[in-house]
Amino acid sequence: MDSQFALVLGLVVVGILVLIWASSRKKAKAAASLELPTSAFSKVIRVGGHRNKAALYDALRKGGFEITPEAQDIMSKPEFTLPEQVQDVEFVFMSLPDMGFPKGATRQSIIQKAEHQYGLRRCEPADGPYYRLAYGEQPRSGEGVMVAMDDLTDSGGRPRFFDHCHTANGKKLEGGGFRPNHVFE
């Protein structure tokens, strides 16, 4: 199988955008072999291992994560599938200024540059909940992590993607959505 790369976007709501890229699946290249900014760093997480969506929901709840109604909605869609095998995925973090976006950019512009300049691909939808499960140490700082994936259409016909946050109300897996022209700074 060819190398596969995935992409996750992380948004720190306090005004700094940090990008989180998933690079290795199966025999894919490690992030260290990619030409990334020197400030980039990575974290490997395990994706998969739950027999069905209910088992994944249960693991998230037992991990102390709230699953918002929007996230539950898109997880219920047929397009949201769990991986058939457990995979280690390397998530790489870098900033918007490091990518050449000192004043911010739209989600689509960020994704396109990541795909074209760094050779990365979008995450599978299941990467969002699995990353949420693995990122239990997310600080309560207003930080939000937005998963760059193909949008899933919710029951109301709106495009959604997964995002994670940790606020005074706890750690959440959300089904986020922004207008296409929204600029993240």
C-alpha atoms as a PDB file:
ATOM      1  CA  MET A   1       0.000   0.000   0.000  1.00  0.00           C
ATOM      2  CA  ASP A   2       1.222   3.512  -0.768  1.00  0.00           C
ATOM      3  CA  SER A   3       2.166   5.827   2.062  1.00  0.00           C
ATOM      4  CA  GLN A   4      -0.877   7.512   3.517  1.00  0.00           C
ATOM      5  CA  PHE A   5      -0.895  10.857   5.236  1.00  0.00           C
ATOM      6  CA  ALA A   6      -3.689  12.540   7.101  1.00  0.00           C
ATOM      7  CA  LEU A   7      -4.186  16.025   8.437  1.00  0.00           C
ATOM      8  CA  VAL A   8      -5.680  17.479  11.583  1.00  0.00           C
ATOM      9  CA  LEU A   9      -6.005  21.187  12.304  1.00  0.00           C
ATOM     10  CA  GLY A  10      -5.695  22.520  15.812  1.00  0.00           C
ATOM     11  CA  LEU A  11      -7.105  25.879  16.767  1.00  0.00           C
ATOM     12  CA  VAL A  12      -6.052  27.679  19.901  1.00  0.00           C
ATOM     13  CA  VAL A  13      -8.937  30.086  20.407  1.00  0.00           C
ATOM     14  CA  VAL A  14      -6.738  32.675  22.110  1.00  0.00           C
ATOM     15  CA  GLY A  15      -5.461  33.685  18.686  1.00  0.00           C
ATOM     16  CA  ILE A  16      -2.712  31.216  17.792  1.00  0.00           C
ATOM     17  CA  LEU A  17      -3.401  28.478  15.300  1.00  0.00           C
ATOM     18  CA  VAL A  18      -1.459  25.277  15.773  1.00  0.00           C
ATOM     19  CA  LEU A  19      -1.673  22.613  13.104  1.00  0.00           C
ATOM     20  CA  ILE A  20      -1.750  18.953  13.939  1.00  0.00           C
ATOM     21  CA  TRP A  21      -0.959  16.619  11.066  1.00  0.00           C
ATOM     22  CA  ALA A  22      -1.265  12.879  11.114  1.00  0.00           C
ATOM     23  CA  SER A  23       1.451  11.393   8.986  1.00  0.00           C
ATOM     24  CA  SER A  24       1.994   7.692   9.388  1.00  0.00           C
ATOM     25  CA  ARG A  25      -0.422   4.860   8.691  1.00  0.00           C
ATOM     26  CA  LYS A  26       0.910   1.363   8.310  1.00  0.00           C
ATOM     27  CA  LYS A  27       4.187   1.719   6.397  1.00  0.00           C
ATOM     28  CA  ALA A  28       3.970   5.455   5.730  1.00  0.00           C
ATOM     29  CA  LYS A  29       6.876   7.850   6.114  1.00  0.00           C
ATOM     30  CA  ALA A  30       7.574   9.159   9.589  1.00  0.00           C
ATOM     31  CA  ALA A  31       7.236  12.893  10.148  1.00  0.00           C
ATOM     32  CA  ALA A  32      11.007  13.125  10.602  1.00  0.00           C
ATOM     33  CA  SER A  33      11.454  12.222   6.921  1.00  0.00           C
ATOM     34  CA  LEU A  34       9.131  15.016   5.718  1.00  0.00           C
ATOM     35  CA  GLU A  35      10.306  18.550   5.009  1.00  0.00           C
ATOM     36  CA  LEU A  36       8.447  20.292   7.824  1.00  0.00           C
ATOM     37  CA  PRO A  37       9.284  23.484   9.732  1.00  0.00           C
ATOM     38  CA  THR A  38      11.954  22.966  12.390  1.00  0.00           C
ATOM     39  CA  SER A  39       9.475  23.954  15.121  1.00  0.00           C
ATOM     40  CA  ALA A  40       7.142  21.059  14.187  1.00  0.00           C
ATOM     41  CA  PHE A  41       6.839  18.185  16.682  1.00  0.00           C
ATOM     42  CA  SER A  42       4.855  14.962  16.703  1.00  0.00           C
ATOM     43  CA  LYS A  43       2.821  12.557  18.831  1.00  0.00           C
ATOM     44  CA  VAL A  44       1.885   8.984  17.897  1.00  0.00           C
ATOM     45  CA  ILE A  45      -1.544   7.686  18.883  1.00  0.00           C
ATOM     46  CA  ARG A  46      -3.315   4.391  18.324  1.00  0.00           C
ATOM     47  CA  VAL A  47      -6.433   4.565  16.126  1.00  0.00           C
ATOM     48  CA  GLY A  48      -8.918   1.694  16.133  1.00  0.00           C
ATOM     49  CA  GLY A  49      -9.586  -1.249  18.401  1.00  0.00           C
ATOM     50  CA  HIS A  50     -13.274  -0.719  19.162  1.00  0.00           C
ATOM     51  CA  ARG A  51     -15.698  -3.304  17.798  1.00  0.00           C
ATOM     52  CA  ASN A  52     -18.405  -0.729  17.003  1.00  0.00           C
ATOM     53  CA  LYS A  53     -19.438   2.911  17.431  1.00  0.00           C
ATOM     54  CA  ALA A  54     -21.158   2.206  20.765  1.00  0.00           C
ATOM     55  CA  ALA A  55     -17.876   0.862  22.195  1.00  0.00           C
ATOM     56  CA  LEU A  56     -16.060   4.008  21.020  1.00  0.00           C
ATOM     57  CA  TYR A  57     -18.772   6.236  22.583  1.00  0.00           C
ATOM     58  CA  ASP A  58     -18.403   4.276  25.835  1.00  0.00           C
ATOM     59  CA  ALA A  59     -14.596   4.659  25.830  1.00  0.00           C
ATOM     60  CA  LEU A  60     -14.911   8.417  25.282  1.00  0.00           C
ATOM     61  CA  ARG A  61     -17.445   8.796  28.104  1.00  0.00           C
ATOM     62  CA  LYS A  62     -15.359   6.640  30.468  1.00  0.00           C
ATOM     63  CA  GLY A  63     -12.380   8.831  29.563  1.00  0.00           C
ATOM     64  CA  GLY A  64     -14.300  11.836  30.881  1.00  0.00           C
ATOM     65  CA  PHE A  65     -15.170  13.364  27.511  1.00  0.00           C
ATOM     66  CA  GLU A  66     -18.544  14.845  26.692  1.00  0.00           C
ATOM     67  CA  ILE A  67     -19.794  13.989  23.199  1.00  0.00           C
ATOM     68  CA  THR A  68     -21.937  16.877  22.007  1.00  0.00           C
ATOM     69  CA  PRO A  69     -25.176  16.227  20.097  1.00  0.00           C
ATOM     70  CA  GLU A  70     -23.523  17.493  16.886  1.00  0.00           C
ATOM     71  CA  ALA A  71     -20.654  15.012  17.281  1.00  0.00           C
ATOM     72  CA  GLN A  72     -23.098  12.194  18.069  1.00  0.00           C
ATOM     73  CA  ASP A  73     -25.052  13.128  14.952  1.00  0.00           C
ATOM     74  CA  ILE A  74     -22.093  12.905  12.560  1.00  0.00           C
ATOM     75  CA  MET A  75     -20.782   9.756  14.260  1.00  0.00           C
ATOM     76  CA  SER A  76     -24.136   8.131  13.491  1.00  0.00           C
ATOM     77  CA  LYS A  77     -23.744   8.691   9.737  1.00  0.00           C
ATOM     78  CA  PRO A  78     -22.827   5.754   7.471  1.00  0.00           C
ATOM     79  CA  GLU A  79     -19.798   7.739   6.217  1.00  0.00           C
ATOM     80  CA  PHE A  80     -18.342   7.592   9.729  1.00  0.00           C
ATOM     81  CA  THR A  81     -16.671   4.205   9.916  1.00  0.00           C
ATOM     82  CA  LEU A  82     -14.214   2.687  12.351  1.00  0.00           C
ATOM     83  CA  PRO A  83     -10.896   1.330  11.091  1.00  0.00           C
ATOM     84  CA  GLU A  84     -10.873  -2.426  10.553  1.00  0.00           C
ATOM     85  CA  GLN A  85      -7.415  -2.723  12.132  1.00  0.00           C
ATOM     86  CA  VAL A  86      -5.584  -0.857  14.856  1.00  0.00           C
ATOM     87  CA  GLN A  87      -3.105   1.641  13.392  1.00  0.00           C
ATOM     88  CA  ASP A  88      -0.486   3.930  14.889  1.00  0.00           C
ATOM     89  CA  VAL A  89      -0.892   7.468  13.553  1.00  0.00           C
ATOM     90  CA  GLU A  90       1.754  10.151  14.000  1.00  0.00           C
ATOM     91  CA  PHE A  91       0.269  13.610  14.545  1.00  0.00           C
ATOM     92  CA  VAL A  92       2.612  16.509  13.756  1.00  0.00           C
ATOM     93  CA  PHE A  93       2.106  19.981  15.234  1.00  0.00           C
ATOM     94  CA  MET A  94       3.100  23.248  13.516  1.00  0.00           C
ATOM     95  CA  SER A  95       1.931  26.847  13.503  1.00  0.00           C
ATOM     96  CA  LEU A  96       0.217  28.932  10.835  1.00  0.00           C
ATOM     97  CA  PRO A  97       3.148  31.401  10.641  1.00  0.00           C
ATOM     98  CA  ASP A  98       5.467  28.425  10.040  1.00  0.00           C
ATOM     99  CA  MET A  99       3.246  27.480   7.097  1.00  0.00           C
ATOM    100  CA  GLY A 100       3.436  31.004   5.666  1.00  0.00           C
ATOM    101  CA  PHE A 101       0.119  32.300   7.069  1.00  0.00           C
ATOM    102  CA  PRO A 102       1.207  35.055   9.516  1.00  0.00           C
ATOM    103  CA  LYS A 103      -2.218  36.757   9.331  1.00  0.00           C
ATOM    104  CA  GLY A 104      -4.343  33.613   9.287  1.00  0.00           C
ATOM    105  CA  ALA A 105      -6.123  31.689   6.553  1.00  0.00           C
ATOM    106  CA  THR A 106      -9.338  29.849   5.763  1.00  0.00           C
ATOM    107  CA  ARG A 107      -9.607  26.176   6.655  1.00  0.00           C
ATOM    108  CA  GLN A 108      -9.563  25.229   2.969  1.00  0.00           C
ATOM    109  CA  SER A 109      -6.434  27.325   2.260  1.00  0.00           C
ATOM    110  CA  ILE A 110      -4.622  25.689   5.167  1.00  0.00           C
ATOM    111  CA  ILE A 111      -5.632  22.197   4.057  1.00  0.00           C
ATOM    112  CA  GLN A 112      -4.679  22.850   0.419  1.00  0.00           C
ATOM    113  CA  LYS A 113      -1.242  24.128   1.388  1.00  0.00           C
ATOM    114  CA  ALA A 114      -0.680  21.147   3.690  1.00  0.00           C
ATOM    115  CA  GLU A 115      -1.665  18.718   0.966  1.00  0.00           C
ATOM    116  CA  HIS A 116       0.305  20.407  -1.833  1.00  0.00           C
ATOM    117  CA  GLN A 117       3.404  21.696  -0.031  1.00  0.00           C
ATOM    118  CA  TYR A 118       3.859  18.963   2.598  1.00  0.00           C
ATOM    119  CA  GLY A 119       2.259  16.008   0.808  1.00  0.00           C
ATOM    120  CA  LEU A 120      -0.249  15.367   3.595  1.00  0.00           C
ATOM    121  CA  ARG A 121      -3.798  14.054   3.267  1.00  0.00           C
ATOM    122  CA  ARG A 122      -6.890  14.646   5.358  1.00  0.00           C
ATOM    123  CA  CYS A 123      -7.714  12.463   8.321  1.00  0.00           C
ATOM    124  CA  GLU A 124     -10.236   9.713   8.218  1.00  0.00           C
ATOM    125  CA  PRO A 125     -13.307  10.836  10.192  1.00  0.00           C
ATOM    126  CA  ALA A 126     -12.582   8.312  12.965  1.00  0.00           C
ATOM    127  CA  ASP A 127      -9.224  10.002  13.644  1.00  0.00           C
ATOM    128  CA  GLY A 128     -11.105  12.866  15.337  1.00  0.00           C
ATOM    129  CA  PRO A 129     -12.692  10.825  18.141  1.00  0.00           C
ATOM    130  CA  TYR A 130      -9.548   8.710  18.563  1.00  0.00           C
ATOM    131  CA  TYR A 131      -7.373  11.798  18.859  1.00  0.00           C
ATOM    132  CA  ARG A 132      -9.849  13.196  21.436  1.00  0.00           C
ATOM    133  CA  LEU A 133      -9.551   9.940  23.384  1.00  0.00           C
ATOM    134  CA  ALA A 134      -5.744  10.124  23.334  1.00  0.00           C
ATOM    135  CA  TYR A 135      -5.525  13.835  24.167  1.00  0.00           C
ATOM    136  CA  GLY A 136      -6.722  13.623  27.754  1.00  0.00           C
ATOM    137  CA  GLU A 137      -4.023  16.047  28.890  1.00  0.00           C
ATOM    138  CA  GLN A 138      -5.445  18.913  26.809  1.00  0.00           C
ATOM    139  CA  PRO A 139      -5.018  22.041  28.947  1.00  0.00           C
ATOM    140  CA  ARG A 140      -8.042  24.054  30.044  1.00  0.00           C
ATOM    141  CA  SER A 141      -6.967  27.125  28.158  1.00  0.00           C
ATOM    142  CA  GLY A 142      -9.677  27.707  25.628  1.00  0.00           C
ATOM    143  CA  GLU A 143      -7.696  25.568  23.191  1.00  0.00           C
ATOM    144  CA  GLY A 144      -9.716  23.877  20.484  1.00  0.00           C
ATOM    145  CA  VAL A 145      -8.501  21.238  18.044  1.00  0.00           C
ATOM    146  CA  MET A 146     -10.207  21.106  14.661  1.00  0.00           C
ATOM    147  CA  VAL A 147      -9.881  17.917  12.616  1.00  0.00           C
ATOM    148  CA  ALA A 148      -9.190  18.490   8.916  1.00  0.00           C
ATOM    149  CA  MET A 149     -11.240  15.794   7.252  1.00  0.00           C
ATOM    150  CA  ASP A 150     -13.827  15.563   4.566  1.00  0.00           C
ATOM    151  CA  ASP A 151     -16.910  17.121   6.130  1.00  0.00           C
ATOM    152  CA  LEU A 152     -19.778  14.877   7.175  1.00  0.00           C
ATOM    153  CA  THR A 153     -23.295  16.208   6.607  1.00  0.00           C
ATOM    154  CA  ASP A 154     -25.368  16.380   9.776  1.00  0.00           C
ATOM    155  CA  SER A 155     -29.084  15.610  10.010  1.00  0.00           C
ATOM    156  CA  GLY A 156     -29.880  19.254   9.254  1.00  0.00           C
ATOM    157  CA  GLY A 157     -27.850  19.215   6.025  1.00  0.00           C
ATOM    158  CA  ARG A 158     -24.921  21.252   7.452  1.00  0.00           C
ATOM    159  CA  PRO A 159     -21.273  20.273   6.793  1.00  0.00           C
ATOM    160  CA  ARG A 160     -19.467  19.306  10.007  1.00  0.00           C
ATOM    161  CA  PHE A 161     -16.048  18.115  11.168  1.00  0.00           C
ATOM    162  CA  PHE A 162     -14.797  17.023  14.564  1.00  0.00           C
ATOM    163  CA  ASP A 163     -13.222  19.408  17.014  1.00  0.00           C
ATOM    164  CA  HIS A 164     -12.065  19.096  20.621  1.00  0.00           C
ATOM    165  CA  CYS A 165     -11.984  21.610  23.428  1.00  0.00           C
ATOM    166  CA  HIS A 166     -11.333  21.804  27.163  1.00  0.00           C
ATOM    167  CA  THR A 167     -13.251  24.579  28.902  1.00  0.00           C
ATOM    168  CA  ALA A 168     -14.586  25.180  32.408  1.00  0.00           C
ATOM    169  CA  ASN A 169     -17.394  22.770  31.426  1.00  0.00           C
ATOM    170  CA  GLY A 170     -14.963  19.916  30.707  1.00  0.00           C
ATOM    171  CA  LYS A 171     -13.330  18.150  27.783  1.00  0.00           C
ATOM    172  CA  LYS A 172     -15.513  17.702  24.726  1.00  0.00           C
ATOM    173  CA  LEU A 173     -15.720  16.055  21.342  1.00  0.00           C
ATOM    174  CA  GLU A 174     -17.754  18.424  19.200  1.00  0.00           C
ATOM    175  CA  GLY A 175     -19.133  18.463  15.678  1.00  0.00           C
ATOM    176  CA  GLY A 176     -17.896  21.855  14.534  1.00  0.00           C
ATOM    177  CA  GLY A 177     -18.717  23.855  11.478  1.00  0.00           C
ATOM    178  CA  PHE A 178     -17.582  27.226  10.142  1.00  0.00           C
ATOM    179  CA  ARG A 179     -18.452  29.246   7.068  1.00  0.00           C
ATOM    180  CA  PRO A 180     -16.010  28.495   4.220  1.00  0.00           C
ATOM    181  CA  ASN A 181     -14.644  32.061   4.286  1.00  0.00           C
ATOM    182  CA  HIS A 182     -13.900  32.060   8.054  1.00  0.00           C
ATOM    183  CA  VAL A 183     -10.258  33.057   8.683  1.00  0.00           C
ATOM    184  CA  PHE A 184      -8.447  31.316  11.525  1.00  0.00           C
ATOM    185  CA  GLU A 185      -5.729  33.467  13.087  1.00  0.00           C
END
